[in-house]
Amino acid sequence: MTRRWPVLLWWLGLAGHLVALVWYAASGLVAPPWAVVGLLVIWAVLLVVGLRLRTRRPAWMLLIPVVDVAVWVGVISAGERFLHWTA
């Protein structure tokens, strides 16, 4: 029974990461295309990291959605502040 919890947590983290894709893809409403492409590349790299975590430390996948939010908010906020991105 205890082996199921890490796998369940991994799937939960993957679901959170997939939900973050909506915000990353919709960033085009605020950010220029080059920034959206950069965000999507970061999202894909985090997906690869998450897939590698499945065999090593599946429970750590829960951190990936947290990193998703931190990166997205940081990039969009920095773009708004320093590059004057507006909706």
N, C-alpha and C. Protein backbone atom coordinates (compact mmCIF):
# COMPACT_ATOMS: atom_id res chain seq x y z
N MET A 1 0.82 -1.21 0.00
CA MET A 1 0.00 0.00 0.00
C MET A 1 0.86 1.26 0.00
N THR A 2 1.99 1.23 0.69
CA THR A 2 2.80 2.45 0.78
C THR A 2 3.45 2.80 -0.54
N ARG A 3 3.62 1.84 -1.45
CA ARG A 3 4.22 2.14 -2.76
C ARG A 3 3.26 2.92 -3.65
N ARG A 4 1.99 2.90 -3.34
CA ARG A 4 1.02 3.60 -4.18
C ARG A 4 1.01 5.10 -3.95
N TRP A 5 1.32 5.53 -2.75
CA TRP A 5 1.27 6.96 -2.44
C TRP A 5 2.22 7.78 -3.29
N PRO A 6 3.49 7.39 -3.42
CA PRO A 6 4.37 8.19 -4.27
C PRO A 6 3.89 8.25 -5.73
N VAL A 7 3.36 7.16 -6.23
CA VAL A 7 2.86 7.15 -7.61
C VAL A 7 1.65 8.07 -7.73
N LEU A 8 0.77 8.03 -6.75
CA LEU A 8 -0.40 8.90 -6.75
C LEU A 8 0.02 10.37 -6.68
N LEU A 9 1.00 10.66 -5.85
CA LEU A 9 1.50 12.04 -5.74
C LEU A 9 2.13 12.49 -7.05
N TRP A 10 2.82 11.57 -7.75
CA TRP A 10 3.40 11.92 -9.04
C TRP A 10 2.31 12.30 -10.03
N TRP A 11 1.25 11.51 -10.09
CA TRP A 11 0.14 11.81 -11.01
C TRP A 11 -0.53 13.14 -10.65
N LEU A 12 -0.65 13.41 -9.37
CA LEU A 12 -1.23 14.68 -8.93
C LEU A 12 -0.36 15.85 -9.37
N GLY A 13 0.95 15.70 -9.22
CA GLY A 13 1.87 16.75 -9.68
C GLY A 13 1.83 16.93 -11.19
N LEU A 14 1.71 15.82 -11.93
CA LEU A 14 1.61 15.91 -13.38
C LEU A 14 0.33 16.64 -13.79
N ALA A 15 -0.76 16.37 -13.10
CA ALA A 15 -2.02 17.07 -13.39
C ALA A 15 -1.86 18.57 -13.16
N GLY A 16 -1.20 18.94 -12.07
CA GLY A 16 -0.96 20.36 -11.81
C GLY A 16 -0.07 20.99 -12.87
N HIS A 17 0.91 20.24 -13.33
CA HIS A 17 1.80 20.76 -14.38
C HIS A 17 1.03 20.95 -15.68
N LEU A 18 0.15 20.04 -16.01
CA LEU A 18 -0.65 20.17 -17.23
C LEU A 18 -1.61 21.35 -17.15
N VAL A 19 -2.14 21.61 -15.96
CA VAL A 19 -3.01 22.78 -15.78
C VAL A 19 -2.22 24.07 -16.01
N ALA A 20 -0.97 24.07 -15.59
CA ALA A 20 -0.13 25.26 -15.78
C ALA A 20 0.10 25.56 -17.25
N LEU A 21 0.01 24.54 -18.10
CA LEU A 21 0.20 24.76 -19.54
C LEU A 21 -0.81 25.76 -20.09
N VAL A 22 -2.00 25.79 -19.53
CA VAL A 22 -3.02 26.74 -19.99
C VAL A 22 -2.53 28.17 -19.79
N TRP A 23 -1.98 28.47 -18.63
CA TRP A 23 -1.49 29.83 -18.36
C TRP A 23 -0.26 30.15 -19.20
N TYR A 24 0.62 29.18 -19.35
CA TYR A 24 1.81 29.41 -20.17
C TYR A 24 1.41 29.72 -21.61
N ALA A 25 0.48 28.95 -22.16
CA ALA A 25 0.06 29.15 -23.55
C ALA A 25 -0.74 30.44 -23.72
N ALA A 26 -1.51 30.82 -22.71
CA ALA A 26 -2.33 32.02 -22.80
C ALA A 26 -1.53 33.29 -22.50
N SER A 27 -0.26 33.16 -22.23
CA SER A 27 0.57 34.33 -21.94
C SER A 27 0.68 35.27 -23.11
N GLY A 28 0.32 34.80 -24.30
CA GLY A 28 0.35 35.64 -25.48
C GLY A 28 -0.58 36.83 -25.40
N LEU A 29 -1.49 36.81 -24.45
CA LEU A 29 -2.37 37.96 -24.25
C LEU A 29 -1.63 39.12 -23.61
N VAL A 30 -0.51 38.83 -22.95
CA VAL A 30 0.24 39.86 -22.24
C VAL A 30 1.66 39.98 -22.77
N ALA A 31 2.27 38.86 -23.12
CA ALA A 31 3.68 38.82 -23.50
C ALA A 31 3.84 38.73 -25.02
N PRO A 32 4.98 39.17 -25.51
CA PRO A 32 5.26 39.04 -26.95
C PRO A 32 5.52 37.57 -27.31
N PRO A 33 5.43 37.23 -28.59
CA PRO A 33 5.59 35.83 -28.99
C PRO A 33 6.91 35.19 -28.56
N TRP A 34 8.01 35.93 -28.60
CA TRP A 34 9.29 35.34 -28.20
C TRP A 34 9.28 34.94 -26.73
N ALA A 35 8.58 35.70 -25.91
CA ALA A 35 8.50 35.37 -24.48
C ALA A 35 7.62 34.14 -24.26
N VAL A 36 6.54 34.04 -25.03
CA VAL A 36 5.66 32.87 -24.91
C VAL A 36 6.41 31.61 -25.32
N VAL A 37 7.18 31.69 -26.39
CA VAL A 37 7.99 30.53 -26.81
C VAL A 37 8.97 30.15 -25.71
N GLY A 38 9.60 31.14 -25.11
CA GLY A 38 10.53 30.87 -24.00
C GLY A 38 9.83 30.21 -22.82
N LEU A 39 8.65 30.69 -22.49
CA LEU A 39 7.88 30.08 -21.40
C LEU A 39 7.51 28.64 -21.73
N LEU A 40 7.12 28.39 -22.96
CA LEU A 40 6.75 27.02 -23.35
C LEU A 40 7.96 26.08 -23.34
N VAL A 41 9.13 26.61 -23.67
CA VAL A 41 10.35 25.81 -23.58
C VAL A 41 10.64 25.46 -22.12
N ILE A 42 10.49 26.44 -21.24
CA ILE A 42 10.68 26.18 -19.81
C ILE A 42 9.68 25.13 -19.33
N TRP A 43 8.43 25.24 -19.78
CA TRP A 43 7.40 24.27 -19.40
C TRP A 43 7.80 22.86 -19.86
N ALA A 44 8.30 22.75 -21.09
CA ALA A 44 8.71 21.44 -21.62
C ALA A 44 9.89 20.87 -20.84
N VAL A 45 10.83 21.73 -20.46
CA VAL A 45 11.97 21.27 -19.66
C VAL A 45 11.48 20.75 -18.30
N LEU A 46 10.55 21.46 -17.70
CA LEU A 46 9.99 21.00 -16.43
C LEU A 46 9.23 19.68 -16.60
N LEU A 47 8.61 19.49 -17.75
CA LEU A 47 7.95 18.21 -18.02
C LEU A 47 8.96 17.08 -18.07
N VAL A 48 10.08 17.30 -18.74
CA VAL A 48 11.13 16.27 -18.81
C VAL A 48 11.67 15.97 -17.41
N VAL A 49 11.89 17.01 -16.63
CA VAL A 49 12.35 16.81 -15.25
C VAL A 49 11.32 15.98 -14.48
N GLY A 50 10.05 16.31 -14.64
CA GLY A 50 9.00 15.57 -13.95
C GLY A 50 8.92 14.13 -14.38
N LEU A 51 9.10 13.87 -15.66
CA LEU A 51 9.08 12.49 -16.14
C LEU A 51 10.26 11.69 -15.58
N ARG A 52 11.38 12.34 -15.44
CA ARG A 52 12.55 11.65 -14.85
C ARG A 52 12.35 11.41 -13.36
N LEU A 53 11.59 12.27 -12.71
CA LEU A 53 11.32 12.09 -11.28
C LEU A 53 10.43 10.88 -11.00
N ARG A 54 9.71 10.43 -12.01
CA ARG A 54 8.77 9.32 -11.80
C ARG A 54 9.47 8.08 -11.27
N THR A 55 10.67 7.81 -11.74
CA THR A 55 11.36 6.60 -11.30
C THR A 55 12.26 6.86 -10.09
N ARG A 56 12.73 8.08 -9.93
CA ARG A 56 13.67 8.35 -8.85
C ARG A 56 12.98 8.80 -7.57
N ARG A 57 12.27 9.89 -7.64
CA ARG A 57 11.60 10.46 -6.47
C ARG A 57 10.24 10.98 -6.90
N PRO A 58 9.26 10.11 -7.02
CA PRO A 58 7.96 10.52 -7.58
C PRO A 58 7.24 11.59 -6.76
N ALA A 59 7.41 11.60 -5.46
CA ALA A 59 6.70 12.58 -4.64
C ALA A 59 7.20 13.99 -4.91
N TRP A 60 8.42 14.13 -5.41
CA TRP A 60 8.96 15.46 -5.71
C TRP A 60 8.26 16.12 -6.88
N MET A 61 7.49 15.36 -7.62
CA MET A 61 6.74 15.91 -8.76
C MET A 61 5.78 16.99 -8.28
N LEU A 62 5.39 16.93 -7.02
CA LEU A 62 4.49 17.96 -6.48
C LEU A 62 5.14 19.35 -6.49
N LEU A 63 6.46 19.40 -6.55
CA LEU A 63 7.14 20.69 -6.58
C LEU A 63 7.09 21.33 -7.97
N ILE A 64 6.90 20.53 -9.00
CA ILE A 64 6.92 21.06 -10.37
C ILE A 64 5.82 22.11 -10.59
N PRO A 65 4.56 21.88 -10.17
CA PRO A 65 3.56 22.95 -10.35
C PRO A 65 3.89 24.21 -9.56
N VAL A 66 4.54 24.06 -8.42
CA VAL A 66 4.95 25.23 -7.63
C VAL A 66 6.00 26.03 -8.42
N VAL A 67 6.94 25.33 -9.02
CA VAL A 67 7.96 25.98 -9.84
C VAL A 67 7.29 26.62 -11.07
N ASP A 68 6.30 25.92 -11.64
CA ASP A 68 5.54 26.48 -12.77
C ASP A 68 4.97 27.85 -12.43
N VAL A 69 4.30 27.94 -11.31
CA VAL A 69 3.66 29.20 -10.91
C VAL A 69 4.71 30.27 -10.64
N ALA A 70 5.78 29.89 -9.95
CA ALA A 70 6.83 30.87 -9.63
C ALA A 70 7.48 31.42 -10.89
N VAL A 71 7.77 30.55 -11.85
CA VAL A 71 8.40 30.99 -13.11
C VAL A 71 7.44 31.88 -13.89
N TRP A 72 6.20 31.45 -14.02
CA TRP A 72 5.24 32.21 -14.81
C TRP A 72 5.00 33.59 -14.21
N VAL A 73 4.75 33.64 -12.92
CA VAL A 73 4.50 34.93 -12.26
C VAL A 73 5.75 35.81 -12.35
N GLY A 74 6.93 35.22 -12.15
CA GLY A 74 8.16 35.98 -12.23
C GLY A 74 8.41 36.57 -13.61
N VAL A 75 8.22 35.76 -14.64
CA VAL A 75 8.47 36.24 -16.00
C VAL A 75 7.45 37.30 -16.41
N ILE A 76 6.20 37.05 -16.15
CA ILE A 76 5.16 38.01 -16.54
C ILE A 76 5.30 39.31 -15.75
N SER A 77 5.59 39.20 -14.46
CA SER A 77 5.76 40.40 -13.64
C SER A 77 6.99 41.20 -14.07
N ALA A 78 8.09 40.51 -14.35
CA ALA A 78 9.30 41.19 -14.80
C ALA A 78 9.07 41.85 -16.16
N GLY A 79 8.37 41.16 -17.04
CA GLY A 79 8.07 41.75 -18.35
C GLY A 79 7.19 42.97 -18.24
N GLU A 80 6.24 42.91 -17.35
CA GLU A 80 5.35 44.06 -17.15
C GLU A 80 6.12 45.23 -16.55
N ARG A 81 6.97 44.93 -15.59
CA ARG A 81 7.69 45.99 -14.88
C ARG A 81 8.80 46.62 -15.73
N PHE A 82 9.64 45.77 -16.35
CA PHE A 82 10.83 46.27 -17.02
C PHE A 82 10.68 46.42 -18.53
N LEU A 83 9.79 45.65 -19.15
CA LEU A 83 9.64 45.71 -20.60
C LEU A 83 8.31 46.32 -21.02
N HIS A 84 7.51 46.71 -20.04
CA HIS A 84 6.24 47.41 -20.27
C HIS A 84 5.23 46.59 -21.09
N TRP A 85 5.17 45.28 -20.77
CA TRP A 85 4.16 44.46 -21.41
C TRP A 85 2.80 44.83 -20.82
N THR A 86 1.80 44.95 -21.67
CA THR A 86 0.44 45.23 -21.19
C THR A 86 -0.54 44.36 -21.96
N ALA A 87 -1.67 44.15 -21.36
CA ALA A 87 -2.71 43.35 -22.02
C ALA A 87 -3.51 44.21 -22.96
